[in-house]
PDB file of N, CA and C in Angstrom:
ATOM      1  N   MET A   1     -42.532   3.063 129.037  1.00  0.00           N
ATOM      2  CA  MET A   1     -43.270   1.798 128.636  1.00  0.00           C
ATOM      3  C   MET A   1     -44.148   2.187 127.337  1.00  0.00           C
ATOM      4  N   PRO A   2     -44.383   1.628 126.390  1.00  0.00           N
ATOM      5  CA  PRO A   2     -45.028   1.848 125.363  1.00  0.00           C
ATOM      6  C   PRO A   2     -46.459   1.494 125.105  1.00  0.00           C
ATOM      7  N   ASP A   3     -47.494   2.601 124.829  1.00  0.00           N
ATOM      8  CA  ASP A   3     -48.821   2.014 124.921  1.00  0.00           C
ATOM      9  C   ASP A   3     -49.586   1.715 123.583  1.00  0.00           C
ATOM     10  N   ASP A   4     -49.286   0.353 123.878  1.00  0.00           N
ATOM     11  CA  ASP A   4     -49.739  -0.748 122.318  1.00  0.00           C
ATOM     12  C   ASP A   4     -51.516  -1.106 122.608  1.00  0.00           C
ATOM     13  N   ARG A   5     -52.206   0.174 123.155  1.00  0.00           N
ATOM     14  CA  ARG A   5     -53.925  -0.397 123.172  1.00  0.00           C
ATOM     15  C   ARG A   5     -53.800   0.176 121.437  1.00  0.00           C
ATOM     16  N   ARG A   6     -55.234  -0.454 121.535  1.00  0.00           N
ATOM     17  CA  ARG A   6     -55.844  -0.260 119.950  1.00  0.00           C
ATOM     18  C   ARG A   6     -57.050  -0.456 119.911  1.00  0.00           C
ATOM     19  N   THR A   7     -57.690   0.221 118.697  1.00  0.00           N
ATOM     20  CA  THR A   7     -59.128   0.122 118.609  1.00  0.00           C
ATOM     21  C   THR A   7     -59.363   0.189 117.222  1.00  0.00           C
ATOM     22  N   VAL A   8     -60.505  -0.458 116.496  1.00  0.00           N
ATOM     23  CA  VAL A   8     -60.736  -0.336 115.374  1.00  0.00           C
ATOM     24  C   VAL A   8     -61.730  -0.091 115.545  1.00  0.00           C
ATOM     25  N   PHE A   9     -62.698   0.496 114.230  1.00  0.00           N
ATOM     26  CA  PHE A   9     -64.349   0.674 113.901  1.00  0.00           C
ATOM     27  C   PHE A   9     -64.441   0.681 112.617  1.00  0.00           C
ATOM     28  N   VAL A  10     -65.079  -0.022 112.316  1.00  0.00           N
ATOM     29  CA  VAL A  10     -65.826   0.030 110.787  1.00  0.00           C
ATOM     30  C   VAL A  10     -67.090   0.640 110.636  1.00  0.00           C
ATOM     31  N   ASP A  11     -67.092   1.823 109.865  1.00  0.00           N
ATOM     32  CA  ASP A  11     -68.425   2.841 109.698  1.00  0.00           C
ATOM     33  C   ASP A  11     -69.306   2.328 108.302  1.00  0.00           C
ATOM     34  N   PRO A  12     -70.135   1.919 109.567  1.00  0.00           N
ATOM     35  CA  PRO A  12     -71.552   1.422 108.398  1.00  0.00           C
ATOM     36  C   PRO A  12     -71.959   2.259 107.256  1.00  0.00           C
ATOM     37  N   GLU A  13     -71.768   3.394 107.434  1.00  0.00           N
ATOM     38  CA  GLU A  13     -72.334   4.416 106.769  1.00  0.00           C
ATOM     39  C   GLU A  13     -71.325   4.748 105.498  1.00  0.00           C
ATOM     40  N   ARG A  14     -70.085   3.824 105.426  1.00  0.00           N
ATOM     41  CA  ARG A  14     -69.037   4.338 104.377  1.00  0.00           C
ATOM     42  C   ARG A  14     -68.988   2.925 104.034  1.00  0.00           C
ATOM     43  N   CYS A  15     -69.123   1.986 104.765  1.00  0.00           N
ATOM     44  CA  CYS A  15     -68.722   0.529 104.392  1.00  0.00           C
ATOM     45  C   CYS A  15     -69.855   0.075 103.020  1.00  0.00           C
ATOM     46  N   ILE A  16     -69.004  -0.598 102.080  1.00  0.00           N
ATOM     47  CA  ILE A  16     -69.753  -0.689 100.540  1.00  0.00           C
ATOM     48  C   ILE A  16     -69.415  -2.505 100.532  1.00  0.00           C
ATOM     49  N   GLY A  17     -69.005  -2.837 101.310  1.00  0.00           N
ATOM     50  CA  GLY A  17     -68.756  -4.746 101.604  1.00  0.00           C
ATOM     51  C   GLY A  17     -68.038  -4.925 100.388  1.00  0.00           C
ATOM     52  N   CYS A  18     -66.937  -4.510 100.157  1.00  0.00           N
ATOM     53  CA  CYS A  18     -66.412  -4.716  98.735  1.00  0.00           C
ATOM     54  C   CYS A  18     -65.338  -6.015  99.607  1.00  0.00           C
ATOM     55  N   GLY A  19     -64.967  -6.308 100.788  1.00  0.00           N
ATOM     56  CA  GLY A  19     -64.371  -7.680 101.017  1.00  0.00           C
ATOM     57  C   GLY A  19     -63.054  -7.304 101.135  1.00  0.00           C
ATOM     58  N   ILE A  20     -62.341  -6.116 100.972  1.00  0.00           N
ATOM     59  CA  ILE A  20     -61.000  -5.575 100.715  1.00  0.00           C
ATOM     60  C   ILE A  20     -60.370  -5.959 102.066  1.00  0.00           C
ATOM     61  N   CYS A  21     -60.915  -5.766 103.193  1.00  0.00           N
ATOM     62  CA  CYS A  21     -60.541  -5.541 104.811  1.00  0.00           C
ATOM     63  C   CYS A  21     -60.312  -6.718 105.090  1.00  0.00           C
ATOM     64  N   GLU A  22     -61.163  -7.765 104.958  1.00  0.00           N
ATOM     65  CA  GLU A  22     -61.236  -9.366 104.907  1.00  0.00           C
ATOM     66  C   GLU A  22     -60.185 -10.308 104.440  1.00  0.00           C
ATOM     67  N   GLN A  23     -59.763  -9.561 103.141  1.00  0.00           N
ATOM     68  CA  GLN A  23     -58.856 -10.327 102.003  1.00  0.00           C
ATOM     69  C   GLN A  23     -57.391  -9.813 102.668  1.00  0.00           C
ATOM     70  N   VAL A  24     -56.896  -8.469 103.229  1.00  0.00           N
ATOM     71  CA  VAL A  24     -55.762  -8.245 103.722  1.00  0.00           C
ATOM     72  C   VAL A  24     -55.830  -8.584 105.447  1.00  0.00           C
ATOM     73  N   CYS A  25     -56.889  -8.130 105.759  1.00  0.00           N
ATOM     74  CA  CYS A  25     -56.618  -8.824 107.592  1.00  0.00           C
ATOM     75  C   CYS A  25     -57.816  -9.695 107.782  1.00  0.00           C
ATOM     76  N   PRO A  26     -57.870 -11.004 107.185  1.00  0.00           N
ATOM     77  CA  PRO A  26     -58.675 -11.718 107.624  1.00  0.00           C
ATOM     78  C   PRO A  26     -58.846 -12.437 109.067  1.00  0.00           C
ATOM     79  N   GLN A  27     -57.856 -11.724 110.082  1.00  0.00           N
ATOM     80  CA  GLN A  27     -57.823 -12.335 111.438  1.00  0.00           C
ATOM     81  C   GLN A  27     -58.559 -10.933 112.026  1.00  0.00           C
ATOM     82  N   ALA A  28     -59.052 -10.096 111.264  1.00  0.00           N
ATOM     83  CA  ALA A  28     -59.606  -9.034 111.930  1.00  0.00           C
ATOM     84  C   ALA A  28     -60.928  -8.529 111.575  1.00  0.00           C
ATOM     85  N   PHE A  29     -61.332  -9.112 110.050  1.00  0.00           N
ATOM     86  CA  PHE A  29     -62.530  -8.404 109.689  1.00  0.00           C
ATOM     87  C   PHE A  29     -63.061  -9.508 108.953  1.00  0.00           C
ATOM     88  N   ARG A  30     -64.610  -9.512 109.074  1.00  0.00           N
ATOM     89  CA  ARG A  30     -65.009 -10.335 108.211  1.00  0.00           C
ATOM     90  C   ARG A  30     -66.625  -9.718 108.007  1.00  0.00           C
ATOM     91  N   LEU A  31     -67.071 -10.320 106.835  1.00  0.00           N
ATOM     92  CA  LEU A  31     -68.109  -9.385 106.128  1.00  0.00           C
ATOM     93  C   LEU A  31     -69.435 -10.127 106.781  1.00  0.00           C
ATOM     94  N   GLY A  32     -70.565  -9.507 107.069  1.00  0.00           N
ATOM     95  CA  GLY A  32     -71.605  -9.766 108.002  1.00  0.00           C
ATOM     96  C   GLY A  32     -73.113 -10.467 106.969  1.00  0.00           C
ATOM     97  N   ALA A  33     -73.915 -10.917 107.535  1.00  0.00           N
ATOM     98  CA  ALA A  33     -75.015 -11.042 107.017  1.00  0.00           C
ATOM     99  C   ALA A  33     -75.485  -9.901 105.934  1.00  0.00           C
ATOM    100  N   GLY A  34     -75.382  -8.804 106.691  1.00  0.00           N
ATOM    101  CA  GLY A  34     -75.926  -7.579 106.093  1.00  0.00           C
ATOM    102  C   GLY A  34     -75.041  -7.508 104.636  1.00  0.00           C
ATOM    103  N   GLY A  35     -73.909  -7.977 104.748  1.00  0.00           N
ATOM    104  CA  GLY A  35     -72.940  -7.502 103.313  1.00  0.00           C
ATOM    105  C   GLY A  35     -71.987  -6.957 103.571  1.00  0.00           C
ATOM    106  N   LEU A  36     -71.958  -5.847 105.230  1.00  0.00           N
ATOM    107  CA  LEU A  36     -70.956  -4.935 105.423  1.00  0.00           C
ATOM    108  C   LEU A  36     -69.792  -5.724 106.525  1.00  0.00           C
ATOM    109  N   ALA A  37     -68.504  -5.198 106.477  1.00  0.00           N
ATOM    110  CA  ALA A  37     -67.764  -5.467 107.453  1.00  0.00           C
ATOM    111  C   ALA A  37     -67.845  -4.927 108.952  1.00  0.00           C
ATOM    112  N   HIS A  38     -67.294  -6.142 109.607  1.00  0.00           N
ATOM    113  CA  HIS A  38     -67.412  -5.607 110.967  1.00  0.00           C
ATOM    114  C   HIS A  38     -65.712  -6.548 111.570  1.00  0.00           C
ATOM    115  N   VAL A  39     -65.745  -5.664 112.653  1.00  0.00           N
ATOM    116  CA  VAL A  39     -64.202  -6.187 113.291  1.00  0.00           C
ATOM    117  C   VAL A  39     -64.749  -7.400 113.935  1.00  0.00           C
ATOM    118  N   VAL A  40     -64.086  -8.548 114.127  1.00  0.00           N
ATOM    119  CA  VAL A  40     -64.301  -9.915 114.694  1.00  0.00           C
ATOM    120  C   VAL A  40     -63.441 -10.368 115.649  1.00  0.00           C
ATOM    121  N   ALA A  41     -62.212  -9.583 115.815  1.00  0.00           N
ATOM    122  CA  ALA A  41     -61.012  -9.594 116.867  1.00  0.00           C
ATOM    123  C   ALA A  41     -61.270  -8.921 117.808  1.00  0.00           C
ATOM    124  N   GLY A  42     -61.056  -9.116 119.237  1.00  0.00           N
ATOM    125  CA  GLY A  42     -61.166  -8.299 120.364  1.00  0.00           C
ATOM    126  C   GLY A  42     -59.563  -7.713 120.368  1.00  0.00           C
ATOM    127  N   PRO A  43     -59.936  -6.215 121.194  1.00  0.00           N
ATOM    128  CA  PRO A  43     -59.115  -5.060 121.221  1.00  0.00           C
ATOM    129  C   PRO A  43     -57.614  -5.752 121.494  1.00  0.00           C
ATOM    130  N   GLU A  44     -57.606  -6.889 122.584  1.00  0.00           N
ATOM    131  CA  GLU A  44     -56.399  -7.301 122.808  1.00  0.00           C
ATOM    132  C   GLU A  44     -55.538  -8.117 121.992  1.00  0.00           C
ATOM    133  N   ASP A  45     -56.511  -8.642 120.711  1.00  0.00           N
ATOM    134  CA  ASP A  45     -55.961  -9.364 119.514  1.00  0.00           C
ATOM    135  C   ASP A  45     -55.937  -8.828 118.309  1.00  0.00           C
ATOM    136  N   LEU A  46     -56.218  -7.458 118.297  1.00  0.00           N
ATOM    137  CA  LEU A  46     -55.863  -7.238 117.060  1.00  0.00           C
ATOM    138  C   LEU A  46     -54.431  -6.884 116.315  1.00  0.00           C
ATOM    139  N   PRO A  47     -54.447  -7.793 115.172  1.00  0.00           N
ATOM    140  CA  PRO A  47     -53.025  -7.846 114.577  1.00  0.00           C
ATOM    141  C   PRO A  47     -52.726  -6.768 113.982  1.00  0.00           C
ATOM    142  N   ASP A  48     -51.465  -6.586 113.605  1.00  0.00           N
ATOM    143  CA  ASP A  48     -50.733  -4.959 113.005  1.00  0.00           C
ATOM    144  C   ASP A  48     -51.508  -5.181 111.469  1.00  0.00           C
ATOM    145  N   CYS A  49     -51.974  -6.018 110.688  1.00  0.00           N
ATOM    146  CA  CYS A  49     -52.704  -5.754 109.700  1.00  0.00           C
ATOM    147  C   CYS A  49     -53.939  -4.958 109.130  1.00  0.00           C
ATOM    148  N   VAL A  50     -54.582  -4.637 110.434  1.00  0.00           N
ATOM    149  CA  VAL A  50     -55.611  -3.491 110.447  1.00  0.00           C
ATOM    150  C   VAL A  50     -55.706  -2.216 110.049  1.00  0.00           C
ATOM    151  N   ARG A  51     -54.104  -1.766 110.116  1.00  0.00           N
ATOM    152  CA  ARG A  51     -53.508  -0.481 109.457  1.00  0.00           C
ATOM    153  C   ARG A  51     -53.285  -0.665 108.280  1.00  0.00           C
ATOM    154  N   GLU A  52     -52.723  -1.953 107.464  1.00  0.00           N
ATOM    155  CA  GLU A  52     -52.844  -2.231 106.038  1.00  0.00           C
ATOM    156  C   GLU A  52     -54.431  -2.062 105.316  1.00  0.00           C
ATOM    157  N   ALA A  53     -55.159  -2.805 106.575  1.00  0.00           N
ATOM    158  CA  ALA A  53     -56.653  -3.186 105.805  1.00  0.00           C
ATOM    159  C   ALA A  53     -57.348  -1.551 105.996  1.00  0.00           C
ATOM    160  N   ALA A  54     -56.988  -1.193 106.441  1.00  0.00           N
ATOM    161  CA  ALA A  54     -57.413   0.415 106.858  1.00  0.00           C
ATOM    162  C   ALA A  54     -57.180   1.169 105.627  1.00  0.00           C
ATOM    163  N   GLY A  55     -55.926   1.457 105.284  1.00  0.00           N
ATOM    164  CA  GLY A  55     -55.242   1.867 104.258  1.00  0.00           C
ATOM    165  C   GLY A  55     -55.845   1.537 102.682  1.00  0.00           C
ATOM    166  N   ALA A  56     -56.220   0.516 102.994  1.00  0.00           N
ATOM    167  CA  ALA A  56     -56.721  -0.084 101.631  1.00  0.00           C
ATOM    168  C   ALA A  56     -58.069  -0.157 101.437  1.00  0.00           C
ATOM    169  N   CYS A  57     -59.137   0.169 102.147  1.00  0.00           N
ATOM    170  CA  CYS A  57     -60.573   0.452 102.236  1.00  0.00           C
ATOM    171  C   CYS A  57     -60.706   1.960 101.091  1.00  0.00           C
ATOM    172  N   PRO A  58     -61.059   1.462  99.800  1.00  0.00           N
ATOM    173  CA  PRO A  58     -61.344   2.343  98.809  1.00  0.00           C
ATOM    174  C   PRO A  58     -62.792   3.707  99.794  1.00  0.00           C
ATOM    175  N   GLN A  59     -63.371   3.208 100.665  1.00  0.00           N
ATOM    176  CA  GLN A  59     -64.328   3.943 101.255  1.00  0.00           C
ATOM    177  C   GLN A  59     -63.729   4.936 102.661  1.00  0.00           C
ATOM    178  N   GLY A  60     -62.533   4.634 102.894  1.00  0.00           N
ATOM    179  CA  GLY A  60     -62.145   5.480 104.292  1.00  0.00           C
ATOM    180  C   GLY A  60     -63.119   4.826 105.277  1.00  0.00           C
ATOM    181  N   ALA A  61     -63.569   3.713 105.272  1.00  0.00           N
ATOM    182  CA  ALA A  61     -64.657   3.294 106.478  1.00  0.00           C
ATOM    183  C   ALA A  61     -63.730   2.476 107.714  1.00  0.00           C
ATOM    184  N   ILE A  62     -62.644   2.336 107.270  1.00  0.00           N
ATOM    185  CA  ILE A  62     -61.984   1.635 108.632  1.00  0.00           C
ATOM    186  C   ILE A  62     -61.087   2.751 109.599  1.00  0.00           C
ATOM    187  N   SER A  63     -61.397   2.961 110.821  1.00  0.00           N
ATOM    188  CA  SER A  63     -60.773   3.917 111.434  1.00  0.00           C
ATOM    189  C   SER A  63     -59.711   3.128 112.602  1.00  0.00           C
ATOM    190  N   VAL A  64     -58.461   3.228 113.012  1.00  0.00           N
ATOM    191  CA  VAL A  64     -57.474   2.402 113.657  1.00  0.00           C
ATOM    192  C   VAL A  64     -57.138   3.560 114.694  1.00  0.00           C
ATOM    193  N   ARG A  65     -57.121   3.670 115.853  1.00  0.00           N
ATOM    194  CA  ARG A  65     -56.712   4.535 116.871  1.00  0.00           C
ATOM    195  C   ARG A  65     -55.769   3.672 117.427  1.00  0.00           C
ATOM    196  N   GLU A  66     -54.743   4.321 117.964  1.00  0.00           N
ATOM    197  CA  GLU A  66     -53.771   3.730 118.675  1.00  0.00           C
ATOM    198  C   GLU A  66     -52.979   4.326 120.249  1.00  0.00           C
ATOM    199  N   GLY A  67     -52.680   3.739 120.939  1.00  0.00           N
ATOM    200  CA  GLY A  67     -52.007   4.360 121.924  1.00  0.00           C
ATOM    201  C   GLY A  67     -53.307   4.897 123.009  1.00  0.00           C
ATOM    202  N   GLU A  68     -52.969   6.204 123.664  1.00  0.00           N
ATOM    203  CA  GLU A  68     -53.848   7.041 124.324  1.00  0.00           C
ATOM    204  C   GLU A  68     -55.269   7.279 123.632  1.00  0.00           C
ATOM    205  N   ALA A  69     -55.174   7.458 122.158  1.00  0.00           N
ATOM    206  CA  ALA A  69     -56.508   7.806 121.586  1.00  0.00           C
ATOM    207  C   ALA A  69     -57.498   6.800 121.326  1.00  0.00           C
ATOM    208  N   ALA A  70     -56.833   5.522 121.493  1.00  0.00           N
ATOM    209  CA  ALA A  70     -57.561   4.398 121.560  1.00  0.00           C
ATOM    210  C   ALA A  70     -58.756   4.217 122.853  1.00  0.00           C
ATOM    211  N   GLY A  71     -58.375   5.578 123.879  1.00  0.00           N
ATOM    212  CA  GLY A  71     -59.488   5.353 124.837  1.00  0.00           C
ATOM    213  C   GLY A  71     -59.726   4.070 125.518  1.00  0.00           C
ATOM    214  N   LEU A  72     -58.999   3.155 125.538  1.00  0.00           N
ATOM    215  CA  LEU A  72     -59.233   1.957 126.401  1.00  0.00           C
ATOM    216  C   LEU A  72     -59.087   1.789 127.850  1.00  0.00           C
TER     217      LEU A  72
END
């Protein structure tokens, strides 16, 4: 049976609030009041576009862990 657990983390020290993650994957990311991105989807609801958003982040601020590495 495949392990489809996934966790996503936005590093606030690296995020510059450009909003690319929200454009690429609005189901999972929003810019907060402080102008930085945060994850709005729960671990069980993370769409596949989180990987694309992580790759598009110019600062590499988004980490996606899957399977056993997700640690859920």
